[in-house]
PDB file of N, CA and C in Angstrom:
ATOM      1  N   MET A   1       3.228   4.046  -3.919  1.00  0.00           N
ATOM      2  CA  MET A   1       3.444   3.140  -5.033  1.00  0.00           C
ATOM      3  C   MET A   1       2.415   2.396  -5.412  1.00  0.00           C
ATOM      4  N   THR A   2       1.801   2.503  -6.659  1.00  0.00           N
ATOM      5  CA  THR A   2       0.835   1.527  -7.389  1.00  0.00           C
ATOM      6  C   THR A   2       1.562   0.594  -8.339  1.00  0.00           C
ATOM      7  N   VAL A   3       1.119  -0.655  -7.587  1.00  0.00           N
ATOM      8  CA  VAL A   3       1.644  -2.061  -8.502  1.00  0.00           C
ATOM      9  C   VAL A   3       0.040  -2.653  -8.501  1.00  0.00           C
ATOM     10  N   ILE A   4       0.119  -2.861  -9.940  1.00  0.00           N
ATOM     11  CA  ILE A   4      -1.156  -3.962 -10.346  1.00  0.00           C
ATOM     12  C   ILE A   4      -0.110  -5.148 -11.009  1.00  0.00           C
ATOM     13  N   THR A   5      -0.941  -6.556 -10.039  1.00  0.00           N
ATOM     14  CA  THR A   5      -0.155  -7.675 -10.386  1.00  0.00           C
ATOM     15  C   THR A   5      -1.251  -8.698 -10.884  1.00  0.00           C
ATOM     16  N   THR A   6      -2.426  -8.275 -10.634  1.00  0.00           N
ATOM     17  CA  THR A   6      -3.799  -8.775 -11.138  1.00  0.00           C
ATOM     18  C   THR A   6      -4.235  -8.930 -12.748  1.00  0.00           C
ATOM     19  N   SER A   7      -3.144  -8.376 -13.807  1.00  0.00           N
ATOM     20  CA  SER A   7      -3.491  -8.446 -14.707  1.00  0.00           C
ATOM     21  C   SER A   7      -2.202  -8.185 -15.725  1.00  0.00           C
ATOM     22  N   ASN A   8      -2.193  -9.162 -16.935  1.00  0.00           N
ATOM     23  CA  ASN A   8      -1.038  -9.098 -17.660  1.00  0.00           C
ATOM     24  C   ASN A   8      -1.357  -8.239 -18.553  1.00  0.00           C
ATOM     25  N   PRO A   9      -0.209  -6.874 -18.784  1.00  0.00           N
ATOM     26  CA  PRO A   9       0.731  -6.866 -18.015  1.00  0.00           C
ATOM     27  C   PRO A   9       0.983  -6.138 -16.597  1.00  0.00           C
ATOM     28  N   TYR A  10       1.741  -6.481 -15.972  1.00  0.00           N
ATOM     29  CA  TYR A  10       2.034  -5.758 -14.607  1.00  0.00           C
ATOM     30  C   TYR A  10       2.450  -4.632 -14.760  1.00  0.00           C
ATOM     31  N   HIS A  11       1.775  -3.661 -13.572  1.00  0.00           N
ATOM     32  CA  HIS A  11       2.046  -2.084 -14.037  1.00  0.00           C
ATOM     33  C   HIS A  11       2.902  -1.605 -12.544  1.00  0.00           C
ATOM     34  N   ALA A  12       3.446  -0.607 -12.783  1.00  0.00           N
ATOM     35  CA  ALA A  12       4.119  -0.058 -11.513  1.00  0.00           C
ATOM     36  C   ALA A  12       4.634   1.344 -12.003  1.00  0.00           C
ATOM     37  N   ASP A  13       4.191   2.365 -11.181  1.00  0.00           N
ATOM     38  CA  ASP A  13       4.556   3.404 -11.150  1.00  0.00           C
ATOM     39  C   ASP A  13       5.627   4.262 -10.233  1.00  0.00           C
ATOM     40  N   ALA A  14       5.947   3.360  -9.433  1.00  0.00           N
ATOM     41  CA  ALA A  14       7.249   3.781  -8.608  1.00  0.00           C
ATOM     42  C   ALA A  14       8.383   2.629  -8.226  1.00  0.00           C
ATOM     43  N   ALA A  15       9.403   2.701  -7.747  1.00  0.00           N
ATOM     44  CA  ALA A  15      10.198   1.761  -7.025  1.00  0.00           C
ATOM     45  C   ALA A  15       9.390   0.752  -6.095  1.00  0.00           C
ATOM     46  N   GLY A  16       9.734  -0.202  -6.340  1.00  0.00           N
ATOM     47  CA  GLY A  16       8.994  -1.499  -5.126  1.00  0.00           C
ATOM     48  C   GLY A  16       9.150  -3.098  -5.929  1.00  0.00           C
ATOM     49  N   THR A  17       8.469  -3.937  -5.095  1.00  0.00           N
ATOM     50  CA  THR A  17       8.763  -5.473  -5.263  1.00  0.00           C
ATOM     51  C   THR A  17       7.906  -5.870  -6.321  1.00  0.00           C
ATOM     52  N   LEU A  18       7.977  -6.106  -7.559  1.00  0.00           N
ATOM     53  CA  LEU A  18       6.393  -6.767  -8.504  1.00  0.00           C
ATOM     54  C   LEU A  18       6.423  -8.461  -7.750  1.00  0.00           C
ATOM     55  N   TRP A  19       7.489  -8.984  -7.358  1.00  0.00           N
ATOM     56  CA  TRP A  19       7.424 -10.445  -7.047  1.00  0.00           C
ATOM     57  C   TRP A  19       8.830 -10.949  -6.151  1.00  0.00           C
ATOM     58  N   ASP A  20       8.789 -11.599  -5.031  1.00  0.00           N
ATOM     59  CA  ASP A  20      10.029 -12.163  -5.038  1.00  0.00           C
ATOM     60  C   ASP A  20       9.690 -13.616  -4.239  1.00  0.00           C
ATOM     61  N   SER A  21       9.027 -14.000  -4.302  1.00  0.00           N
ATOM     62  CA  SER A  21       8.780 -15.517  -3.718  1.00  0.00           C
ATOM     63  C   SER A  21       7.860 -15.968  -4.914  1.00  0.00           C
ATOM     64  N   GLY A  22       7.727 -17.523  -4.175  1.00  0.00           N
ATOM     65  CA  GLY A  22       6.922 -18.381  -5.176  1.00  0.00           C
ATOM     66  C   GLY A  22       7.779 -18.920  -6.175  1.00  0.00           C
ATOM     67  N   PRO A  23       6.806 -19.191  -7.210  1.00  0.00           N
ATOM     68  CA  PRO A  23       7.335 -20.068  -8.314  1.00  0.00           C
ATOM     69  C   PRO A  23       7.535 -18.798  -9.636  1.00  0.00           C
ATOM     70  N   ALA A  24       9.121 -19.522 -10.061  1.00  0.00           N
ATOM     71  CA  ALA A  24       9.969 -18.565 -11.045  1.00  0.00           C
ATOM     72  C   ALA A  24       8.260 -18.232 -11.981  1.00  0.00           C
ATOM     73  N   ARG A  25       8.373 -16.934 -12.777  1.00  0.00           N
ATOM     74  CA  ARG A  25       7.109 -16.340 -13.485  1.00  0.00           C
ATOM     75  C   ARG A  25       7.957 -16.333 -15.008  1.00  0.00           C
ATOM     76  N   GLY A  26       7.673 -16.474 -16.456  1.00  0.00           N
ATOM     77  CA  GLY A  26       8.020 -16.211 -17.228  1.00  0.00           C
ATOM     78  C   GLY A  26       7.808 -14.726 -17.884  1.00  0.00           C
ATOM     79  N   LEU A  27       9.305 -14.299 -17.741  1.00  0.00           N
ATOM     80  CA  LEU A  27       9.290 -13.177 -18.128  1.00  0.00           C
ATOM     81  C   LEU A  27       9.305 -12.766 -19.570  1.00  0.00           C
ATOM     82  N   ARG A  28       8.301 -12.027 -20.375  1.00  0.00           N
ATOM     83  CA  ARG A  28       7.892 -11.766 -21.916  1.00  0.00           C
ATOM     84  C   ARG A  28       8.780 -10.825 -22.165  1.00  0.00           C
ATOM     85  N   LEU A  29       8.402  -9.577 -21.603  1.00  0.00           N
ATOM     86  CA  LEU A  29       8.621  -8.245 -22.425  1.00  0.00           C
ATOM     87  C   LEU A  29       8.401  -7.561 -21.167  1.00  0.00           C
ATOM     88  N   VAL A  30       9.238  -6.388 -20.901  1.00  0.00           N
ATOM     89  CA  VAL A  30       9.539  -5.012 -19.861  1.00  0.00           C
ATOM     90  C   VAL A  30       9.486  -3.719 -20.810  1.00  0.00           C
ATOM     91  N   GLN A  31       8.549  -2.905 -20.557  1.00  0.00           N
ATOM     92  CA  GLN A  31       8.930  -1.808 -21.351  1.00  0.00           C
ATOM     93  C   GLN A  31       8.770  -0.171 -20.242  1.00  0.00           C
ATOM     94  N   TRP A  32       9.503   0.643 -20.124  1.00  0.00           N
ATOM     95  CA  TRP A  32       9.629   1.607 -19.565  1.00  0.00           C
ATOM     96  C   TRP A  32       8.814   2.518 -20.428  1.00  0.00           C
ATOM     97  N   VAL A  33       7.501   3.170 -19.943  1.00  0.00           N
ATOM     98  CA  VAL A  33       6.692   3.891 -20.579  1.00  0.00           C
ATOM     99  C   VAL A  33       6.560   5.186 -20.068  1.00  0.00           C
ATOM    100  N   ASP A  34       7.268   6.410 -20.758  1.00  0.00           N
ATOM    101  CA  ASP A  34       6.895   7.976 -20.653  1.00  0.00           C
ATOM    102  C   ASP A  34       5.618   8.314 -20.258  1.00  0.00           C
ATOM    103  N   THR A  35       5.492   9.227 -19.116  1.00  0.00           N
ATOM    104  CA  THR A  35       3.989   9.765 -18.672  1.00  0.00           C
ATOM    105  C   THR A  35       4.244  11.237 -18.678  1.00  0.00           C
ATOM    106  N   ALA A  36       4.624  11.613 -19.726  1.00  0.00           N
ATOM    107  CA  ALA A  36       5.327  13.401 -19.607  1.00  0.00           C
ATOM    108  C   ALA A  36       6.124  13.735 -18.395  1.00  0.00           C
ATOM    109  N   ASP A  37       6.973  12.781 -18.157  1.00  0.00           N
ATOM    110  CA  ASP A  37       7.911  13.128 -17.109  1.00  0.00           C
ATOM    111  C   ASP A  37       8.956  12.824 -16.980  1.00  0.00           C
ATOM    112  N   ILE A  38       9.331  11.681 -18.261  1.00  0.00           N
ATOM    113  CA  ILE A  38      10.996  11.097 -18.381  1.00  0.00           C
ATOM    114  C   ILE A  38      11.578  12.301 -19.053  1.00  0.00           C
ATOM    115  N   VAL A  39      12.662  12.756 -18.285  1.00  0.00           N
ATOM    116  CA  VAL A  39      13.706  13.429 -19.019  1.00  0.00           C
ATOM    117  C   VAL A  39      14.969  13.178 -19.191  1.00  0.00           C
ATOM    118  N   HIS A  40      15.754  13.846 -19.527  1.00  0.00           N
ATOM    119  CA  HIS A  40      17.066  13.571 -19.564  1.00  0.00           C
ATOM    120  C   HIS A  40      17.507  12.932 -18.429  1.00  0.00           C
ATOM    121  N   ASP A  41      18.734  12.146 -17.912  1.00  0.00           N
ATOM    122  CA  ASP A  41      19.113  11.563 -17.100  1.00  0.00           C
ATOM    123  C   ASP A  41      17.961  11.102 -16.067  1.00  0.00           C
ATOM    124  N   SER A  42      16.856  10.699 -16.391  1.00  0.00           N
ATOM    125  CA  SER A  42      16.304   9.924 -15.895  1.00  0.00           C
ATOM    126  C   SER A  42      16.702   8.301 -15.574  1.00  0.00           C
ATOM    127  N   THR A  43      16.399   7.894 -14.635  1.00  0.00           N
ATOM    128  CA  THR A  43      17.304   6.605 -14.069  1.00  0.00           C
ATOM    129  C   THR A  43      16.020   5.543 -13.469  1.00  0.00           C
ATOM    130  N   LEU A  44      16.204   4.264 -14.382  1.00  0.00           N
ATOM    131  CA  LEU A  44      15.424   3.274 -14.138  1.00  0.00           C
ATOM    132  C   LEU A  44      16.490   2.139 -13.418  1.00  0.00           C
ATOM    133  N   VAL A  45      16.254   1.709 -12.393  1.00  0.00           N
ATOM    134  CA  VAL A  45      16.671   0.210 -11.530  1.00  0.00           C
ATOM    135  C   VAL A  45      16.343  -0.721 -11.670  1.00  0.00           C
ATOM    136  N   LEU A  46      16.638  -1.870 -12.138  1.00  0.00           N
ATOM    137  CA  LEU A  46      16.013  -3.100 -11.611  1.00  0.00           C
ATOM    138  C   LEU A  46      16.780  -4.267 -11.220  1.00  0.00           C
ATOM    139  N   THR A  47      16.605  -4.830 -10.174  1.00  0.00           N
ATOM    140  CA  THR A  47      17.018  -6.053 -10.069  1.00  0.00           C
ATOM    141  C   THR A  47      16.487  -7.628 -10.216  1.00  0.00           C
ATOM    142  N   ILE A  48      16.809  -8.272 -11.093  1.00  0.00           N
ATOM    143  CA  ILE A  48      16.193  -9.622 -11.452  1.00  0.00           C
ATOM    144  C   ILE A  48      16.832 -10.598 -11.054  1.00  0.00           C
ATOM    145  N   ASN A  49      16.529 -11.447 -10.433  1.00  0.00           N
ATOM    146  CA  ASN A  49      17.226 -12.809 -10.009  1.00  0.00           C
ATOM    147  C   ASN A  49      18.423 -12.041  -9.499  1.00  0.00           C
ATOM    148  N   GLY A  50      18.690 -11.081  -8.642  1.00  0.00           N
ATOM    149  CA  GLY A  50      19.850 -10.688  -8.034  1.00  0.00           C
ATOM    150  C   GLY A  50      20.735 -10.065  -8.511  1.00  0.00           C
ATOM    151  N   VAL A  51      20.032  -9.996 -10.204  1.00  0.00           N
ATOM    152  CA  VAL A  51      21.635  -9.169 -10.701  1.00  0.00           C
ATOM    153  C   VAL A  51      21.017  -7.742 -11.022  1.00  0.00           C
ATOM    154  N   THR A  52      21.577  -6.597 -11.182  1.00  0.00           N
ATOM    155  CA  THR A  52      21.132  -5.376 -10.725  1.00  0.00           C
ATOM    156  C   THR A  52      21.578  -4.542 -12.278  1.00  0.00           C
ATOM    157  N   LEU A  53      20.390  -4.336 -12.887  1.00  0.00           N
ATOM    158  CA  LEU A  53      20.349  -3.214 -14.346  1.00  0.00           C
ATOM    159  C   LEU A  53      20.126  -1.953 -14.492  1.00  0.00           C
ATOM    160  N   THR A  54      20.613  -1.272 -14.687  1.00  0.00           N
ATOM    161  CA  THR A  54      20.550   0.395 -14.671  1.00  0.00           C
ATOM    162  C   THR A  54      20.367   0.928 -15.893  1.00  0.00           C
ATOM    163  N   VAL A  55      20.011   1.451 -15.909  1.00  0.00           N
ATOM    164  CA  VAL A  55      18.825   1.973 -17.809  1.00  0.00           C
ATOM    165  C   VAL A  55      19.247   3.517 -17.072  1.00  0.00           C
ATOM    166  N   GLN A  56      19.596   4.697 -17.878  1.00  0.00           N
ATOM    167  CA  GLN A  56      19.786   5.958 -18.040  1.00  0.00           C
ATOM    168  C   GLN A  56      19.370   6.636 -19.327  1.00  0.00           C
ATOM    169  N   ILE A  57      18.049   7.116 -19.308  1.00  0.00           N
ATOM    170  CA  ILE A  57      17.486   7.565 -20.684  1.00  0.00           C
ATOM    171  C   ILE A  57      18.451   9.042 -21.015  1.00  0.00           C
ATOM    172  N   GLN A  58      18.264   8.985 -21.941  1.00  0.00           N
ATOM    173  CA  GLN A  58      19.041   9.792 -22.712  1.00  0.00           C
ATOM    174  C   GLN A  58      18.412  10.581 -24.044  1.00  0.00           C
ATOM    175  N   PRO A  59      16.887  11.071 -24.145  1.00  0.00           N
ATOM    176  CA  PRO A  59      16.338  11.554 -25.406  1.00  0.00           C
ATOM    177  C   PRO A  59      16.927  12.299 -26.054  1.00  0.00           C
ATOM    178  N   LEU A  60      16.555  12.081 -27.542  1.00  0.00           N
ATOM    179  CA  LEU A  60      17.267  12.910 -28.425  1.00  0.00           C
ATOM    180  C   LEU A  60      16.612  14.419 -28.283  1.00  0.00           C
ATOM    181  N   ASN A  61      15.381  14.507 -27.953  1.00  0.00           N
ATOM    182  CA  ASN A  61      15.059  16.070 -27.381  1.00  0.00           C
ATOM    183  C   ASN A  61      14.187  15.937 -26.432  1.00  0.00           C
ATOM    184  N   ASP A  62      13.742  17.036 -26.001  1.00  0.00           N
ATOM    185  CA  ASP A  62      13.189  17.563 -24.731  1.00  0.00           C
ATOM    186  C   ASP A  62      11.528  17.018 -24.770  1.00  0.00           C
ATOM    187  N   ASN A  63      10.998  16.420 -25.960  1.00  0.00           N
ATOM    188  CA  ASN A  63       9.773  16.306 -26.165  1.00  0.00           C
ATOM    189  C   ASN A  63       9.381  14.963 -26.434  1.00  0.00           C
ATOM    190  N   LEU A  64       9.244  14.208 -25.462  1.00  0.00           N
ATOM    191  CA  LEU A  64       8.701  12.425 -25.506  1.00  0.00           C
ATOM    192  C   LEU A  64       7.485  12.588 -25.523  1.00  0.00           C
ATOM    193  N   ALA A  65       7.317  11.777 -26.308  1.00  0.00           N
ATOM    194  CA  ALA A  65       5.325  11.573 -26.740  1.00  0.00           C
ATOM    195  C   ALA A  65       5.061  10.883 -25.547  1.00  0.00           C
ATOM    196  N   PHE A  66       3.961  11.151 -25.356  1.00  0.00           N
ATOM    197  CA  PHE A  66       2.933  10.475 -23.887  1.00  0.00           C
ATOM    198  C   PHE A  66       2.713   9.126 -24.664  1.00  0.00           C
ATOM    199  N   GLY A  67       2.923   8.164 -23.566  1.00  0.00           N
ATOM    200  CA  GLY A  67       2.808   6.660 -23.714  1.00  0.00           C
ATOM    201  C   GLY A  67       4.064   6.129 -24.805  1.00  0.00           C
ATOM    202  N   ALA A  68       5.206   6.633 -24.620  1.00  0.00           N
ATOM    203  CA  ALA A  68       6.119   6.151 -25.451  1.00  0.00           C
ATOM    204  C   ALA A  68       6.940   5.355 -24.993  1.00  0.00           C
ATOM    205  N   VAL A  69       7.460   4.444 -25.563  1.00  0.00           N
ATOM    206  CA  VAL A  69       8.309   3.128 -24.944  1.00  0.00           C
ATOM    207  C   VAL A  69       9.629   3.660 -24.938  1.00  0.00           C
ATOM    208  N   VAL A  70      10.272   4.125 -23.971  1.00  0.00           N
ATOM    209  CA  VAL A  70      11.414   4.682 -23.633  1.00  0.00           C
ATOM    210  C   VAL A  70      12.528   3.651 -23.743  1.00  0.00           C
ATOM    211  N   TRP A  71      12.394   2.516 -23.283  1.00  0.00           N
ATOM    212  CA  TRP A  71      12.973   1.461 -22.954  1.00  0.00           C
ATOM    213  C   TRP A  71      12.545   0.030 -22.926  1.00  0.00           C
ATOM    214  N   GLN A  72      13.110  -0.793 -23.712  1.00  0.00           N
ATOM    215  CA  GLN A  72      12.330  -2.248 -23.772  1.00  0.00           C
ATOM    216  C   GLN A  72      13.385  -3.332 -23.288  1.00  0.00           C
ATOM    217  N   ILE A  73      13.108  -4.583 -22.879  1.00  0.00           N
ATOM    218  CA  ILE A  73      13.903  -5.769 -22.820  1.00  0.00           C
ATOM    219  C   ILE A  73      13.167  -6.751 -22.970  1.00  0.00           C
ATOM    220  N   GLY A  74      13.412  -7.365 -24.073  1.00  0.00           N
ATOM    221  CA  GLY A  74      12.425  -8.848 -24.973  1.00  0.00           C
ATOM    222  C   GLY A  74      11.909  -7.746 -26.292  1.00  0.00           C
ATOM    223  N   PRO A  75      11.014  -8.960 -26.723  1.00  0.00           N
ATOM    224  CA  PRO A  75      10.258  -9.930 -26.275  1.00  0.00           C
ATOM    225  C   PRO A  75      11.055 -11.240 -26.173  1.00  0.00           C
ATOM    226  N   PHE A  76      10.559 -12.147 -24.888  1.00  0.00           N
ATOM    227  CA  PHE A  76      11.008 -13.369 -24.937  1.00  0.00           C
ATOM    228  C   PHE A  76       9.954 -14.598 -25.118  1.00  0.00           C
ATOM    229  N   ASN A  77      10.434 -15.338 -26.315  1.00  0.00           N
ATOM    230  CA  ASN A  77       9.398 -16.682 -26.172  1.00  0.00           C
ATOM    231  C   ASN A  77      10.154 -17.379 -26.368  1.00  0.00           C
ATOM    232  N   PRO A  78       9.840 -18.594 -25.457  1.00  0.00           N
ATOM    233  CA  PRO A  78       9.390 -18.545 -24.107  1.00  0.00           C
ATOM    234  C   PRO A  78       9.793 -17.528 -23.153  1.00  0.00           C
ATOM    235  N   GLY A  79       9.182 -17.392 -22.595  1.00  0.00           N
ATOM    236  CA  GLY A  79       9.634 -16.437 -21.537  1.00  0.00           C
ATOM    237  C   GLY A  79      10.497 -16.699 -20.618  1.00  0.00           C
ATOM    238  N   ILE A  80      11.493 -16.197 -20.136  1.00  0.00           N
ATOM    239  CA  ILE A  80      12.290 -16.638 -19.194  1.00  0.00           C
ATOM    240  C   ILE A  80      12.373 -16.386 -17.700  1.00  0.00           C
ATOM    241  N   PRO A  81      13.004 -17.459 -17.180  1.00  0.00           N
ATOM    242  CA  PRO A  81      12.480 -17.965 -15.588  1.00  0.00           C
ATOM    243  C   PRO A  81      12.901 -16.696 -14.769  1.00  0.00           C
ATOM    244  N   VAL A  82      11.933 -15.971 -14.098  1.00  0.00           N
ATOM    245  CA  VAL A  82      12.755 -15.092 -13.280  1.00  0.00           C
ATOM    246  C   VAL A  82      11.990 -15.776 -11.866  1.00  0.00           C
ATOM    247  N   THR A  83      12.713 -15.265 -10.701  1.00  0.00           N
ATOM    248  CA  THR A  83      11.985 -15.764  -9.341  1.00  0.00           C
ATOM    249  C   THR A  83      12.039 -14.518  -8.510  1.00  0.00           C
ATOM    250  N   SER A  84      12.533 -13.156  -8.781  1.00  0.00           N
ATOM    251  CA  SER A  84      12.578 -12.016  -8.079  1.00  0.00           C
ATOM    252  C   SER A  84      12.753 -10.921  -8.796  1.00  0.00           C
ATOM    253  N   PHE A  85      11.913  -9.735  -8.753  1.00  0.00           N
ATOM    254  CA  PHE A  85      11.632  -8.822  -9.917  1.00  0.00           C
ATOM    255  C   PHE A  85      11.541  -7.680  -8.915  1.00  0.00           C
ATOM    256  N   VAL A  86      12.528  -6.525  -8.907  1.00  0.00           N
ATOM    257  CA  VAL A  86      12.363  -5.602  -7.929  1.00  0.00           C
ATOM    258  C   VAL A  86      12.886  -4.337  -8.569  1.00  0.00           C
ATOM    259  N   ILE A  87      11.933  -3.336  -8.472  1.00  0.00           N
ATOM    260  CA  ILE A  87      12.230  -2.083  -8.913  1.00  0.00           C
ATOM    261  C   ILE A  87      13.278  -1.195  -8.137  1.00  0.00           C
ATOM    262  N   THR A  88      14.254  -1.113  -8.125  1.00  0.00           N
ATOM    263  CA  THR A  88      15.133  -0.296  -7.444  1.00  0.00           C
ATOM    264  C   THR A  88      14.890   0.905  -7.086  1.00  0.00           C
ATOM    265  N   THR A  89      14.940   1.594  -8.435  1.00  0.00           N
ATOM    266  CA  THR A  89      14.657   3.005  -8.483  1.00  0.00           C
ATOM    267  C   THR A  89      13.911   3.485  -9.743  1.00  0.00           C
ATOM    268  N   MET A  90      12.970   4.230  -9.507  1.00  0.00           N
ATOM    269  CA  MET A  90      11.984   4.545 -10.748  1.00  0.00           C
ATOM    270  C   MET A  90      11.338   5.834 -10.119  1.00  0.00           C
ATOM    271  N   ALA A  91      11.665   6.856 -10.443  1.00  0.00           N
ATOM    272  CA  ALA A  91      10.939   8.185  -9.733  1.00  0.00           C
ATOM    273  C   ALA A  91       9.629   8.774 -11.131  1.00  0.00           C
ATOM    274  N   THR A  92      10.180   8.045 -12.374  1.00  0.00           N
ATOM    275  CA  THR A  92       9.483   8.748 -13.176  1.00  0.00           C
ATOM    276  C   THR A  92       9.138   7.659 -14.371  1.00  0.00           C
ATOM    277  N   GLY A  93       7.767   8.123 -14.852  1.00  0.00           N
ATOM    278  CA  GLY A  93       6.928   7.017 -16.013  1.00  0.00           C
ATOM    279  C   GLY A  93       6.507   5.904 -15.558  1.00  0.00           C
ATOM    280  N   HIS A  94       6.199   5.156 -16.137  1.00  0.00           N
ATOM    281  CA  HIS A  94       5.435   3.768 -15.428  1.00  0.00           C
ATOM    282  C   HIS A  94       6.097   2.455 -16.014  1.00  0.00           C
ATOM    283  N   LEU A  95       6.177   1.104 -15.722  1.00  0.00           N
ATOM    284  CA  LEU A  95       6.944  -0.022 -16.051  1.00  0.00           C
ATOM    285  C   LEU A  95       5.759  -0.836 -16.604  1.00  0.00           C
ATOM    286  N   HIS A  96       6.023  -1.664 -17.482  1.00  0.00           N
ATOM    287  CA  HIS A  96       4.789  -2.543 -18.041  1.00  0.00           C
ATOM    288  C   HIS A  96       5.743  -3.916 -18.209  1.00  0.00           C
ATOM    289  N   VAL A  97       5.442  -5.166 -17.186  1.00  0.00           N
ATOM    290  CA  VAL A  97       5.816  -6.335 -17.329  1.00  0.00           C
ATOM    291  C   VAL A  97       4.943  -7.128 -17.666  1.00  0.00           C
ATOM    292  N   TRP A  98       5.071  -7.761 -19.064  1.00  0.00           N
ATOM    293  CA  TRP A  98       4.103  -9.107 -19.436  1.00  0.00           C
ATOM    294  C   TRP A  98       5.122 -10.446 -18.624  1.00  0.00           C
ATOM    295  N   VAL A  99       4.396 -11.113 -18.376  1.00  0.00           N
ATOM    296  CA  VAL A  99       4.660 -12.818 -17.788  1.00  0.00           C
ATOM    297  C   VAL A  99       3.908 -13.756 -18.631  1.00  0.00           C
ATOM    298  N   ASP A 100       4.425 -14.942 -18.448  1.00  0.00           N
ATOM    299  CA  ASP A 100       3.755 -15.989 -19.117  1.00  0.00           C
ATOM    300  C   ASP A 100       2.466 -16.451 -17.838  1.00  0.00           C
TER     301      ASP A 100
END
């Protein structure tokens, strides 16, 4: 898994923990981005502050554009305080997470 938390947005390409301790971060925007591998029934499961959110993509056709945002939450201004952000399931695509 590649997780980059040294830039904004944070970037992940597989399941894992982005943060699970320390002070809350202000969650501004989350985008699931296609990398030519998100297909019908691809699933993303996030656990944010202990609450599980399941997203299943159902594209209108088989040809999603590379780099297309297939799901998004936000933007929030100000950012929502989040103390724990875990990607429970993500086998395809990239997740971009903007924080304050």
